[in-house]
C-alpha cells in the first residue's frame, strides 16, 4: 500500500514538472494573462498633488517620486494587449502620457517651463513593455491615430495654456464621460478660449492639430458639439497666445 502511494506521488510530481516545462516553452502570445490592471495608484497621487483647477504641486510630487516610479513600473509591466478594449487602451496611453510628463518635470525641477528642458517631447525616456517611447511617440503615433480629437484635452503638457490636468485617473469605465467633461471645461474656460456666436478666440491647440478636429465636419462643428453656445460657421477666428509657464 505504502509503495503504491509513493509511485503515485512521484508520478504526480513528474507530471507537474512536464506541465511547467510545456508552459515555459509556449509562445508568449498563447499564455493567458489576467487583465485586471487599473490606475488606482495614479489616482491616489493625482488626488494628493493636483487641485480641482489642475494646479500641480510639483515640489510635493517630487517628494513621492518613488511612488510615481512604482506606478510607471506598473504601466511597463502591464503593456496593452490586443485583447484590451479600445477604451482601456486609450485610458492607459492618456495616463501614461500625463504620468511620464510629471516624471520629466520633477526630474528637472525646479524649472519655470517644460521648454526649459532640451527637446522635452522628443526624448525617448519612456520604457513600456520592451519598448522605448518619447512623449511625441505616444501622442502622434498612438493616441492621435485612435481618431478621437478629445484626447487633446486629456493629455497635458505641464503648461498654463494646456487643458488642465485632471485630478482623477482615466479608466475604461469613465473614459467617455471624462473626455467629454474635459473638452467642455476647456472650451468654457475664458483663459483658454473666448467663444461668441460671431467671433472665436481659441487655443492654438486647434491650429496645431487642425486636421484632427475635422473628422466629422468642420472645426466649428466640433466646437458646437461641446460649447455652451452655438457658433456661426462664418464666425471670425483668431488664436490666443500660448502660455508655456509651468502649471503650478
Protein backbone atom coordinates (compact mmCIF):
# COMPACT_ATOMS: atom_id res chain seq x y z
CA UNK A 1 0.00 0.00 0.00
CA UNK A 2 2.79 2.43 1.00
CA UNK A 3 4.77 1.56 -2.16
CA UNK A 4 1.74 2.28 -4.34
CA UNK A 5 1.27 5.71 -2.73
CA UNK A 6 4.96 6.50 -3.29
CA UNK A 7 4.70 5.59 -7.00
CA UNK A 8 1.54 7.74 -7.37
CA UNK A 9 3.18 10.73 -5.66
CA UNK A 10 6.24 10.51 -7.91
CA UNK A 11 4.04 10.34 -10.99
CA UNK A 12 2.17 13.48 -9.92
CA UNK A 13 5.45 15.33 -9.33
CA UNK A 14 6.85 14.42 -12.74
CA UNK A 15 3.55 15.25 -14.41
CA UNK A 16 3.61 18.70 -12.74
CA UNK A 17 7.19 19.27 -13.95
CA UNK A 18 6.16 18.37 -17.51
CA UNK A 19 3.24 20.81 -17.35
CA UNK A 20 5.52 23.65 -16.22
CA UNK A 21 8.00 22.80 -18.97
CA UNK A 22 5.21 22.91 -21.50
CA UNK A 23 4.03 26.34 -20.26
CA UNK A 24 7.56 27.73 -20.37
CA UNK A 25 8.00 26.53 -23.94
CA UNK A 26 4.71 28.02 -25.15
CA UNK A 27 4.81 31.24 -27.17
CA UNK A 28 4.04 34.33 -25.06
CA UNK A 29 1.04 35.06 -27.28
CA UNK A 30 -0.57 31.78 -26.17
CA UNK A 31 -0.16 32.31 -22.43
CA UNK A 32 -3.34 33.54 -20.79
CA UNK A 33 -2.79 36.80 -18.88
CA UNK A 34 -5.16 38.03 -16.19
CA UNK A 35 -6.13 41.55 -17.23
CA UNK A 36 -7.24 43.31 -14.07
CA UNK A 37 -4.91 46.29 -14.28
CA UNK A 38 -6.25 49.64 -13.14
CA UNK A 39 -4.83 53.08 -12.46
CA UNK A 40 -5.71 53.42 -8.77
CA UNK A 41 -2.12 54.22 -7.71
CA UNK A 42 -2.01 57.09 -10.20
CA UNK A 43 -5.43 58.25 -9.00
CA UNK A 44 -4.14 58.48 -5.41
CA UNK A 45 -1.18 60.65 -6.48
CA UNK A 46 -3.39 62.92 -8.58
CA UNK A 47 -5.82 63.43 -5.70
CA UNK A 48 -2.96 64.40 -3.37
CA UNK A 49 -0.97 66.71 -5.62
CA UNK A 50 -3.31 68.14 -8.28
CA UNK A 51 -6.05 70.63 -7.43
CA UNK A 52 -9.56 70.74 -8.86
CA UNK A 53 -8.33 73.53 -11.15
CA UNK A 54 -5.45 71.41 -12.42
CA UNK A 55 -2.70 73.17 -10.47
CA UNK A 56 0.15 70.73 -9.84
CA UNK A 57 2.25 70.73 -6.67
CA UNK A 58 5.48 69.55 -8.30
CA UNK A 59 7.56 70.20 -5.19
CA UNK A 60 5.42 67.80 -3.14
CA UNK A 61 5.15 65.37 -6.06
CA UNK A 62 8.94 65.18 -6.12
CA UNK A 63 8.98 64.00 -2.51
CA UNK A 64 6.93 60.96 -3.55
CA UNK A 65 8.93 60.19 -6.66
CA UNK A 66 9.31 56.55 -5.58
CA UNK A 67 5.52 56.09 -5.59
CA UNK A 68 5.31 57.70 -9.01
CA UNK A 69 8.05 55.42 -10.34
CA UNK A 70 6.22 52.43 -8.86
CA UNK A 71 3.16 53.38 -10.92
CA UNK A 72 5.31 53.91 -14.02
CA UNK A 73 6.79 50.44 -13.50
CA UNK A 74 3.28 49.01 -13.26
CA UNK A 75 2.50 50.61 -16.63
CA UNK A 76 5.58 48.96 -18.10
CA UNK A 77 4.63 45.59 -16.67
CA UNK A 78 1.07 45.82 -18.00
CA UNK A 79 1.59 46.81 -21.62
CA UNK A 80 -1.71 46.81 -23.57
CA UNK A 81 -2.51 43.57 -25.34
CA UNK A 82 -4.62 43.06 -28.44
CA UNK A 83 -7.45 41.75 -26.27
CA UNK A 84 -7.86 45.07 -24.46
CA UNK A 85 -10.82 47.21 -25.44
CA UNK A 86 -10.17 50.48 -27.27
CA UNK A 87 -11.30 52.44 -24.19
CA UNK A 88 -8.90 50.53 -21.95
CA UNK A 89 -6.01 51.17 -24.36
CA UNK A 90 -6.83 54.87 -24.66
CA UNK A 91 -7.09 55.32 -20.89
CA UNK A 92 -3.74 53.57 -20.49
CA UNK A 93 -1.98 55.81 -23.01
CA UNK A 94 -3.50 59.06 -21.69
CA UNK A 95 -2.47 58.21 -18.14
CA UNK A 96 0.98 57.13 -19.34
CA UNK A 97 1.49 60.40 -21.23
CA UNK A 98 0.49 62.50 -18.21
CA UNK A 99 2.39 60.46 -15.62
CA UNK A 100 5.63 60.45 -17.62
CA UNK A 101 5.24 64.20 -18.22
CA UNK A 102 5.09 64.66 -14.44
CA UNK A 103 8.19 62.49 -14.09
CA UNK A 104 10.03 64.56 -16.70
CA UNK A 105 9.19 67.77 -14.85
CA UNK A 106 10.13 66.61 -11.36
CA UNK A 107 13.40 65.09 -12.57
CA UNK A 108 14.34 68.56 -13.84
CA UNK A 109 12.62 70.59 -11.11
CA UNK A 110 12.80 73.43 -10.25
CA UNK A 111 12.09 74.88 -13.70
CA UNK A 112 9.68 77.55 -14.88
CA UNK A 113 8.57 75.83 -18.09
CA UNK A 114 8.70 72.43 -19.75
CA UNK A 115 10.51 74.24 -22.55
CA UNK A 116 13.47 74.75 -20.19
CA UNK A 117 14.15 71.05 -20.86
CA UNK A 118 16.01 70.33 -24.10
CA UNK A 119 13.71 68.58 -26.60
CA UNK A 120 11.18 67.52 -23.92
CA UNK A 121 8.78 65.82 -26.31
CA UNK A 122 11.43 64.04 -28.37
CA UNK A 123 13.42 62.30 -25.62
CA UNK A 124 12.92 58.54 -25.64
CA UNK A 125 12.86 58.11 -21.87
CA UNK A 126 9.59 56.18 -21.54
CA UNK A 127 10.03 52.44 -21.00
CA UNK A 128 6.82 50.46 -21.54
CA UNK A 129 6.96 46.72 -22.03
CA UNK A 130 10.12 46.11 -24.04
CA UNK A 131 9.88 49.39 -25.99
CA UNK A 132 11.14 52.92 -25.54
CA UNK A 133 8.92 55.89 -26.35
CA UNK A 134 9.01 59.67 -26.35
CA UNK A 135 6.02 61.82 -25.46
CA UNK A 136 5.73 62.59 -29.18
CA UNK A 137 5.55 58.86 -29.95
CA UNK A 138 2.63 58.39 -27.57
CA UNK A 139 0.75 61.46 -28.77
CA UNK A 140 1.30 61.29 -32.52
CA UNK A 141 1.85 57.60 -33.24
CA UNK A 142 -0.65 56.12 -30.81
CA UNK A 143 -3.26 58.47 -29.36
CA UNK A 144 -3.91 60.66 -32.41
CA UNK A 145 -4.25 57.55 -34.55
CA UNK A 146 -7.19 56.48 -32.37
CA UNK A 147 -9.12 59.24 -34.18
CA UNK A 148 -10.71 60.87 -31.16
CA UNK A 149 -9.78 64.58 -31.03
CA UNK A 150 -10.91 64.77 -27.40
CA UNK A 151 -7.57 63.20 -26.43
CA UNK A 152 -6.06 66.68 -26.82
CA UNK A 153 -7.98 67.72 -23.69
CA UNK A 154 -6.99 64.61 -21.76
CA UNK A 155 -3.23 64.80 -22.23
CA UNK A 156 -1.38 67.69 -20.63
CA UNK A 157 1.92 69.45 -21.46
CA UNK A 158 2.51 70.83 -17.94
CA UNK A 159 1.79 74.41 -19.05
CA UNK A 160 -0.69 77.11 -18.10
CA UNK A 161 -2.40 77.22 -21.50
CA UNK A 162 -2.76 73.44 -21.74
CA UNK A 163 -6.00 71.78 -20.75
CA UNK A 164 -5.93 71.24 -17.01
CA UNK A 165 -4.50 68.01 -15.64
CA UNK A 166 -7.49 66.04 -14.35
CA UNK A 167 -7.06 65.13 -10.70
CA UNK A 168 -8.55 61.68 -11.18
CA UNK A 169 -7.22 58.92 -13.41
CA UNK A 170 -8.76 57.84 -16.68
CA UNK A 171 -10.21 54.33 -16.69
CA UNK A 172 -12.07 52.45 -19.41
CA UNK A 173 -15.23 52.78 -17.33
CA UNK A 174 -15.11 56.60 -17.19
CA UNK A 175 -13.18 57.43 -20.36
CA UNK A 176 -16.02 58.82 -22.48
CA UNK A 177 -17.56 60.93 -19.72
CA UNK A 178 -14.16 62.30 -18.59
CA UNK A 179 -13.12 63.23 -22.14
CA UNK A 180 -16.48 64.92 -22.70
CA UNK A 181 -16.25 66.93 -19.49
CA UNK A 182 -12.57 67.82 -20.10
CA UNK A 183 -13.41 69.10 -23.59
CA UNK A 184 -16.41 71.14 -22.40
CA UNK A 185 -14.46 72.55 -19.47
CA UNK A 186 -11.56 73.59 -21.71
CA UNK A 187 -13.85 75.39 -24.16
CA UNK A 188 -15.73 77.14 -21.36
CA UNK A 189 -12.54 78.48 -19.74
CA UNK A 190 -12.08 82.13 -20.86
CA UNK A 191 -8.38 81.95 -20.08
CA UNK A 192 -8.02 79.36 -22.82
CA UNK A 193 -10.90 80.15 -25.21
CA UNK A 194 -13.33 83.03 -25.79
CA UNK A 195 -16.39 81.94 -27.76
CA UNK A 196 -19.27 84.04 -29.07
CA UNK A 197 -21.72 83.43 -31.88
CA UNK A 198 -19.80 85.51 -34.44
CA UNK A 199 -16.27 85.58 -33.09
CA UNK A 200 -13.97 82.99 -31.55
CA UNK A 201 -10.57 83.45 -29.94
CA UNK A 202 -9.36 79.92 -29.43
CA UNK A 203 -6.39 77.92 -28.18
CA UNK A 204 -3.53 77.25 -30.58
CA UNK A 205 -4.22 73.56 -29.97
CA UNK A 206 -6.93 73.98 -32.60
CA UNK A 207 -4.33 75.39 -35.00
CA UNK A 208 -1.59 72.85 -34.35
CA UNK A 209 -3.94 69.87 -34.70
CA UNK A 210 -6.45 71.39 -37.10
CA UNK A 211 -6.98 68.18 -39.11
CA UNK A 212 -7.88 66.19 -36.00
CA UNK A 213 -10.93 68.36 -35.41
CA UNK A 214 -12.31 67.86 -38.90
CA UNK A 215 -13.00 64.12 -38.61
CA UNK A 216 -16.75 64.69 -38.52
CA UNK A 217 -17.20 68.06 -40.20
CA UNK A 218 -15.65 71.48 -39.70
CA UNK A 219 -13.82 72.88 -36.69
CA UNK A 220 -16.94 74.92 -35.92
CA UNK A 221 -19.00 71.70 -35.96
CA UNK A 222 -16.65 70.24 -33.37
CA UNK A 223 -16.80 73.36 -31.19
CA UNK A 224 -20.59 73.47 -31.37
CA UNK A 225 -20.79 69.90 -30.16
CA UNK A 226 -19.16 70.81 -26.84
CA UNK A 227 -19.50 74.59 -26.43
CA UNK A 228 -22.16 76.27 -24.31
CA UNK A 229 -23.27 78.45 -27.24
CA UNK A 230 -23.93 77.92 -30.95
CA UNK A 231 -21.19 79.43 -33.10
CA UNK A 232 -21.82 80.61 -36.64
CA UNK A 233 -19.98 78.77 -39.41
CA UNK A 234 -18.83 82.21 -40.57
CA UNK A 235 -17.52 83.31 -37.17
CA UNK A 236 -14.32 85.34 -37.21
CA UNK A 237 -11.44 83.24 -35.86
CA UNK A 238 -8.24 84.16 -34.03
CA UNK A 239 -5.86 82.36 -31.68
CA UNK A 240 -4.78 83.13 -28.13
CA UNK A 241 -1.14 83.46 -27.15
CA UNK A 242 0.11 80.24 -25.56
CA UNK A 243 1.46 80.47 -22.01
CA UNK A 244 4.20 77.86 -21.54
CA UNK A 245 4.78 78.67 -17.86
CA UNK A 246 4.54 75.65 -15.58
CA UNK A 247 1.03 74.79 -14.39
CA UNK A 248 1.87 75.13 -10.70
